[in-house]
Amino acid sequence: MKQVFVTGGSGFVGQNLIPMLIENGYKVKALARSAQAVQKVEQLGASAVKGDLNDAQALADGVKDCASVFHLAASVDFFASEKELKKLHVDATELLLEVAKNARVKRFVYLSAASVIMNGKPIKNADETFVSDNIIDGYSRTKLQAEYLVLKANTKSFQTIAVSPPLVWGKGDPNTLVGVMEATKKGRMQFIDGGKHRLVTCHVLNVCQALILADQSEQNGKTYFITDGETPIFKDFIKKYVATQGVTIPDKTVSLTMAKRVASVMEFVWKIFGLKGHPPLYKGLVNVLGVEFTINDSKARKELGYKSFVTIEQGLDLMRK
């Protein structure tokens, strides 16, 4: 039985990946930072390894006797301080790569993010060769730096690969779903330029299938975009998504120019006064939810054997159950 080590096992993707790995015959060890995380990963069927991403000994215990590492742990926060995100995304990834290599782990699968190519402008049908000239948020900048470290570490004996989804969604989504529902309940949700732009998404079960395919593939040293294979209109998708939770978004709209202006002012106020939490609008959020973003995942379909295991319609049905 192949044993693997998972970071971020108690997170959104991890909670879906661990049961899928076990179903596929893997034995799973998972890093768990808190007592709650220990309980969660053990309930999912993994063996918990107590510690965090900056704890070299915990990581060494985790990777011991493992053939592969699935590095999922991240903070999906487009407003957080880049300095803090660097510790979690870049420094921790560098440490984990070193520990895994020393333990003679054969394969390292990294969950990256398609937002690493976002530049504040509409992007249509981009592939993995697209390089951004202006990454707006610290989350995407640090994820890109970590991805670079992962791919650079690739050798014949230590094979690395990165999987890069866009907006990850599905049952239990703590990010987009929760954020849009809260904004709607507070009367703050507005569609930027009417929400008529298109976007790509990737259901969490599709992400997990892609991660397993990446582990089983002979490809290495590369990054792969993955999507649901559809390009819905933003407004249509988001309305249907929150409707599965009984929430209706009113048809309020704001221009992209105004949204960017308000976001800049709010960011300035939050940072100057050291306000806690997130402003209602900030540049990273405008970039992610207000500008056309479509990417092409044909490379993953051809080289990894990836396919859309769950369609958007099927994903929405699962949300209602």
Protein backbone atom coordinates (compact mmCIF):
# COMPACT_ATOMS: atom_id res chain seq x y z
CA MET A 1 0.00 0.00 0.00
CA LYS A 2 1.44 3.37 -1.05
CA GLN A 3 1.81 5.78 1.87
CA VAL A 4 1.58 9.55 1.29
CA PHE A 5 1.84 12.70 3.40
CA VAL A 6 -0.74 15.49 3.03
CA THR A 7 -0.44 19.08 4.26
CA GLY A 8 -3.64 21.11 4.54
CA GLY A 9 -5.60 17.91 5.13
CA SER A 10 -8.20 19.61 7.33
CA GLY A 11 -8.78 22.35 4.73
CA PHE A 12 -11.37 22.50 1.97
CA VAL A 13 -9.42 20.54 -0.66
CA GLY A 14 -7.78 18.26 1.90
CA GLN A 15 -11.09 17.13 3.39
CA ASN A 16 -12.11 15.94 -0.06
CA LEU A 17 -8.71 14.56 -1.09
CA ILE A 18 -8.04 12.32 1.93
CA PRO A 19 -11.15 10.10 1.47
CA MET A 20 -10.46 9.94 -2.28
CA LEU A 21 -6.86 8.85 -1.68
CA ILE A 22 -8.04 6.13 0.72
CA GLU A 23 -10.63 4.94 -1.84
CA ASN A 24 -7.76 4.69 -4.34
CA GLY A 25 -5.78 2.42 -2.04
CA TYR A 26 -3.42 4.96 -0.48
CA LYS A 27 -2.41 5.04 3.19
CA VAL A 28 -2.51 8.66 4.35
CA LYS A 29 -0.61 10.66 6.96
CA ALA A 30 -1.76 14.27 7.41
CA LEU A 31 -0.21 17.27 9.12
CA ALA A 32 -2.53 18.74 11.77
CA ARG A 33 -1.81 22.02 13.53
CA SER A 34 -4.56 21.93 16.19
CA ALA A 35 -6.53 19.40 18.23
CA GLN A 36 -9.52 20.17 16.01
CA ALA A 37 -7.45 19.47 12.87
CA VAL A 38 -6.17 16.20 14.40
CA GLN A 39 -9.76 15.09 15.02
CA LYS A 40 -10.84 16.11 11.52
CA VAL A 41 -8.13 14.28 9.57
CA GLU A 42 -8.50 11.17 11.74
CA GLN A 43 -12.25 11.14 11.11
CA LEU A 44 -11.45 11.24 7.38
CA GLY A 45 -9.28 8.14 7.76
CA ALA A 46 -5.77 9.62 7.90
CA SER A 47 -3.10 9.25 10.59
CA ALA A 48 -2.53 12.69 12.13
CA VAL A 49 0.97 14.15 12.49
CA LYS A 50 0.80 16.97 15.08
CA GLY A 51 2.67 20.13 14.12
CA ASP A 52 2.76 23.01 11.67
CA LEU A 53 4.53 23.85 8.42
CA ASN A 54 7.46 25.59 10.15
CA ASP A 55 8.17 22.56 12.37
CA ALA A 56 10.98 20.62 10.64
CA GLN A 57 10.66 17.67 13.04
CA ALA A 58 6.90 17.33 12.46
CA LEU A 59 7.47 17.46 8.70
CA ALA A 60 10.23 14.83 8.99
CA ASP A 61 7.84 12.59 10.96
CA GLY A 62 5.20 13.19 8.33
CA VAL A 63 7.26 12.33 5.26
CA LYS A 64 8.96 9.30 6.86
CA ASP A 65 8.27 6.15 4.81
CA CYS A 66 6.11 8.08 2.34
CA ALA A 67 6.37 7.74 -1.44
CA SER A 68 4.67 11.06 -2.19
CA VAL A 69 3.79 14.41 -0.64
CA PHE A 70 0.62 16.33 -1.46
CA HIS A 71 1.31 19.92 -0.43
CA LEU A 72 -2.07 21.67 -0.20
CA ALA A 73 -1.68 23.95 2.83
CA ALA A 74 -2.23 27.62 1.99
CA SER A 75 -4.14 30.69 3.07
CA VAL A 76 -6.54 31.67 0.27
CA ASP A 77 -6.54 35.33 1.22
CA PHE A 78 -6.24 38.05 -1.42
CA PHE A 79 -5.91 40.80 1.20
CA ALA A 80 -3.49 39.32 3.74
CA SER A 81 -0.02 40.74 4.31
CA GLU A 82 2.49 39.44 1.77
CA LYS A 83 5.06 39.12 4.56
CA GLU A 84 2.81 36.69 6.48
CA LEU A 85 1.84 34.80 3.35
CA LYS A 86 5.50 34.40 2.40
CA LYS A 87 6.13 32.48 5.66
CA LEU A 88 3.28 30.09 4.89
CA HIS A 89 3.60 29.73 1.12
CA VAL A 90 7.28 30.26 0.30
CA ASP A 91 9.35 29.54 3.41
CA ALA A 92 7.27 26.53 4.46
CA THR A 93 7.32 25.07 0.94
CA GLU A 94 11.11 25.45 0.81
CA LEU A 95 11.44 23.62 4.15
CA LEU A 96 9.04 20.84 3.14
CA LEU A 97 10.89 20.31 -0.16
CA GLU A 98 14.17 19.96 1.70
CA VAL A 99 12.73 17.57 4.31
CA ALA A 100 10.99 15.44 1.65
CA LYS A 101 14.12 15.25 -0.49
CA ASN A 102 16.25 14.20 2.50
CA ALA A 103 13.71 11.48 3.32
CA ARG A 104 13.98 10.19 -0.27
CA VAL A 105 10.35 10.88 -1.07
CA LYS A 106 9.92 10.11 -4.78
CA ARG A 107 7.16 12.55 -5.76
CA PHE A 108 6.00 16.00 -4.63
CA VAL A 109 2.57 17.22 -5.81
CA TYR A 110 1.94 20.92 -5.23
CA LEU A 111 -1.46 22.61 -5.29
CA SER A 112 -0.75 25.96 -6.92
CA ALA A 113 -3.32 28.51 -8.20
CA ALA A 114 -4.25 29.84 -11.62
CA SER A 115 -4.46 33.33 -10.09
CA VAL A 116 -0.64 33.50 -10.40
CA ILE A 117 -1.18 34.81 -13.95
CA MET A 118 -3.90 37.39 -13.11
CA ASN A 119 -2.87 40.95 -13.94
CA GLY A 120 -5.97 43.10 -13.41
CA LYS A 121 -6.91 42.87 -17.10
CA PRO A 122 -9.22 40.46 -18.94
CA ILE A 123 -7.46 37.18 -19.71
CA LYS A 124 -8.97 34.84 -22.31
CA ASN A 125 -8.07 31.20 -22.94
CA ALA A 126 -4.56 31.51 -21.47
CA ASP A 127 -2.34 28.45 -21.20
CA GLU A 128 0.59 27.65 -18.91
CA THR A 129 3.01 29.72 -21.03
CA PHE A 130 1.21 32.96 -20.05
CA VAL A 131 3.32 35.13 -17.73
CA SER A 132 1.74 38.02 -15.82
CA ASP A 133 3.32 41.44 -16.00
CA ASN A 134 1.50 42.72 -12.91
CA ILE A 135 0.45 40.37 -10.11
CA ILE A 136 -1.78 42.48 -7.87
CA ASP A 137 -2.09 40.51 -4.62
CA GLY A 138 0.30 38.92 -2.15
CA TYR A 139 -1.50 35.57 -2.25
CA SER A 140 -0.83 35.08 -5.96
CA ARG A 141 2.72 36.45 -5.77
CA THR A 142 3.71 34.08 -2.97
CA LYS A 143 1.95 31.09 -4.57
CA LEU A 144 3.93 31.75 -7.75
CA GLN A 145 7.20 31.96 -5.81
CA ALA A 146 6.40 28.64 -4.09
CA GLU A 147 5.47 27.02 -7.42
CA TYR A 148 8.81 28.14 -8.84
CA LEU A 149 10.65 26.49 -5.92
CA VAL A 150 8.70 23.26 -6.40
CA LEU A 151 9.40 22.97 -10.13
CA LYS A 152 13.04 24.00 -9.69
CA ALA A 153 13.51 21.15 -7.17
CA ASN A 154 12.57 18.52 -9.76
CA THR A 155 15.17 15.78 -10.39
CA LYS A 156 15.08 12.19 -11.63
CA SER A 157 14.94 10.86 -8.07
CA PHE A 158 12.70 13.61 -6.65
CA GLN A 159 9.96 14.39 -9.12
CA THR A 160 7.83 17.48 -8.64
CA ILE A 161 4.63 18.63 -10.34
CA ALA A 162 2.13 21.47 -9.81
CA VAL A 163 -1.63 21.57 -10.35
CA SER A 164 -3.17 25.03 -10.80
CA PRO A 165 -6.96 25.42 -10.53
CA PRO A 166 -8.87 28.72 -10.79
CA LEU A 167 -11.82 29.39 -8.41
CA VAL A 168 -12.24 26.15 -6.42
CA TRP A 169 -15.83 25.54 -5.37
CA GLY A 170 -18.18 22.92 -3.97
CA LYS A 171 -19.81 21.77 -0.74
CA GLY A 172 -18.04 23.20 2.30
CA ASP A 173 -16.34 26.04 0.39
CA PRO A 174 -15.14 28.46 3.13
CA ASN A 175 -13.93 31.12 0.71
CA THR A 176 -16.02 32.34 -2.25
CA LEU A 177 -19.35 30.89 -1.11
CA VAL A 178 -19.09 32.22 2.44
CA GLY A 179 -17.78 35.61 1.27
CA VAL A 180 -20.53 36.17 -1.30
CA MET A 181 -23.26 35.04 1.11
CA GLU A 182 -22.01 37.39 3.84
CA ALA A 183 -21.78 40.31 1.40
CA THR A 184 -25.32 39.57 0.18
CA LYS A 185 -26.76 39.41 3.71
CA LYS A 186 -25.11 42.75 4.56
CA GLY A 187 -26.49 44.33 1.37
CA ARG A 188 -23.00 44.88 -0.04
CA MET A 189 -22.99 42.41 -2.92
CA GLN A 190 -22.84 44.15 -6.29
CA PHE A 191 -21.95 42.75 -9.69
CA ILE A 192 -19.01 44.54 -11.27
CA ASP A 193 -20.03 45.79 -14.73
CA GLY A 194 -23.18 43.69 -14.36
CA GLY A 195 -21.23 40.44 -13.88
CA LYS A 196 -21.43 39.75 -17.62
CA HIS A 197 -17.83 38.55 -17.92
CA ARG A 198 -16.91 34.88 -18.20
CA LEU A 199 -14.79 32.90 -15.78
CA VAL A 200 -13.46 29.40 -15.27
CA THR A 201 -14.02 27.33 -12.15
CA CYS A 202 -12.84 23.97 -10.85
CA HIS A 203 -15.04 21.85 -8.60
CA VAL A 204 -13.19 20.55 -5.55
CA LEU A 205 -13.72 16.92 -6.65
CA ASN A 206 -12.15 17.72 -10.02
CA VAL A 207 -9.18 19.28 -8.20
CA CYS A 208 -8.72 16.12 -6.12
CA GLN A 209 -8.91 13.84 -9.15
CA ALA A 210 -6.29 16.00 -10.88
CA LEU A 211 -3.96 15.81 -7.85
CA ILE A 212 -4.16 12.01 -7.85
CA LEU A 213 -3.55 11.88 -11.61
CA ALA A 214 -0.54 14.18 -11.11
CA ASP A 215 0.85 11.76 -8.53
CA GLN A 216 0.34 8.75 -10.79
CA SER A 217 1.65 10.44 -13.95
CA GLU A 218 5.13 10.09 -15.40
CA GLN A 219 5.16 13.82 -16.14
CA ASN A 220 7.29 15.99 -13.88
CA GLY A 221 8.82 19.44 -13.53
CA LYS A 222 5.69 21.06 -15.00
CA THR A 223 2.60 22.96 -13.92
CA TYR A 224 -0.89 22.15 -15.22
CA PHE A 225 -4.01 24.29 -15.40
CA ILE A 226 -7.23 22.41 -14.59
CA THR A 227 -10.84 23.59 -14.93
CA ASP A 228 -14.42 22.32 -15.06
CA GLY A 229 -14.14 22.60 -18.85
CA GLU A 230 -16.83 25.30 -19.00
CA THR A 231 -16.78 29.12 -19.17
CA PRO A 232 -19.98 30.31 -17.47
CA ILE A 233 -21.01 33.94 -17.18
CA PHE A 234 -19.94 35.11 -13.72
CA LYS A 235 -23.35 36.42 -12.65
CA ASP A 236 -25.15 33.23 -13.72
CA PHE A 237 -22.69 30.96 -11.92
CA ILE A 238 -22.56 32.93 -8.65
CA LYS A 239 -26.35 33.32 -8.47
CA LYS A 240 -26.85 29.56 -8.91
CA TYR A 241 -24.02 28.79 -6.47
CA VAL A 242 -25.45 30.75 -3.53
CA ALA A 243 -29.02 29.77 -4.46
CA THR A 244 -28.10 26.20 -3.43
CA GLN A 245 -27.91 27.63 0.12
CA GLY A 246 -31.22 29.46 -0.18
CA VAL A 247 -29.62 32.89 -0.75
CA THR A 248 -30.75 35.23 -3.55
CA ILE A 249 -28.40 37.92 -4.84
CA PRO A 250 -30.19 41.13 -5.88
CA ASP A 251 -29.32 42.68 -9.27
CA LYS A 252 -27.16 45.55 -8.03
CA THR A 253 -24.25 46.65 -10.21
CA VAL A 254 -21.19 48.90 -10.02
CA SER A 255 -18.76 49.89 -12.77
CA LEU A 256 -15.29 48.34 -12.84
CA THR A 257 -13.73 51.82 -12.66
CA MET A 258 -15.73 52.70 -9.55
CA ALA A 259 -15.07 49.30 -7.95
CA LYS A 260 -11.30 49.77 -8.40
CA ARG A 261 -11.47 53.29 -6.98
CA VAL A 262 -13.49 52.21 -3.91
CA ALA A 263 -11.20 49.21 -3.40
CA SER A 264 -8.09 51.43 -3.39
CA VAL A 265 -9.62 53.82 -0.85
CA MET A 266 -10.80 51.00 1.42
CA GLU A 267 -7.41 49.25 1.33
CA PHE A 268 -5.70 52.52 2.23
CA VAL A 269 -8.05 53.17 5.17
CA TRP A 270 -7.74 49.58 6.48
CA LYS A 271 -3.95 49.64 6.36
CA ILE A 272 -3.46 53.17 7.70
CA PHE A 273 -5.72 52.59 10.71
CA GLY A 274 -4.74 48.94 11.19
CA LEU A 275 -8.35 47.80 11.03
CA LYS A 276 -9.03 44.12 11.63
CA GLY A 277 -10.54 41.76 9.12
CA HIS A 278 -11.10 42.56 5.46
CA PRO A 279 -12.58 45.69 3.88
CA PRO A 280 -15.82 45.07 1.95
CA LEU A 281 -13.89 45.67 -1.27
CA TYR A 282 -10.16 45.45 -2.08
CA LYS A 283 -8.06 45.23 -5.24
CA GLY A 284 -7.46 41.47 -5.04
CA LEU A 285 -11.20 40.83 -4.76
CA VAL A 286 -12.02 43.08 -7.73
CA ASN A 287 -9.39 41.24 -9.75
CA VAL A 288 -10.71 37.77 -8.88
CA LEU A 289 -14.45 38.46 -9.14
CA GLY A 290 -14.75 41.42 -11.50
CA VAL A 291 -12.56 40.74 -14.54
CA GLU A 292 -12.89 38.11 -17.29
CA PHE A 293 -10.62 35.12 -16.62
CA THR A 294 -10.58 31.97 -18.74
CA ILE A 295 -7.74 29.47 -19.08
CA ASN A 296 -7.10 26.40 -21.22
CA ASP A 297 -6.47 23.03 -19.56
CA SER A 298 -5.84 20.99 -22.72
CA LYS A 299 -2.27 20.17 -21.57
CA ALA A 300 -3.60 18.44 -18.41
CA ARG A 301 -6.21 16.58 -20.45
CA LYS A 302 -3.59 15.37 -22.92
CA GLU A 303 -0.63 14.66 -20.61
CA LEU A 304 -2.28 13.70 -17.30
CA GLY A 305 -5.45 12.10 -18.66
CA TYR A 306 -7.46 14.72 -16.78
CA LYS A 307 -11.16 15.19 -17.53
CA SER A 308 -14.11 16.99 -15.96
CA PHE A 309 -15.23 14.29 -13.53
CA VAL A 310 -17.96 16.63 -12.21
CA THR A 311 -19.76 19.16 -14.43
CA ILE A 312 -20.92 22.50 -13.04
CA GLU A 313 -24.53 21.30 -13.09
CA GLN A 314 -23.62 18.10 -11.24
CA GLY A 315 -21.58 20.14 -8.73
CA LEU A 316 -24.57 22.38 -8.06
CA ASP A 317 -26.78 19.31 -7.54
CA LEU A 318 -24.29 17.97 -4.97
CA MET A 319 -24.55 21.30 -3.10
CA ARG A 320 -28.29 20.83 -2.67
CA LYS A 321 -28.00 17.36 -1.12
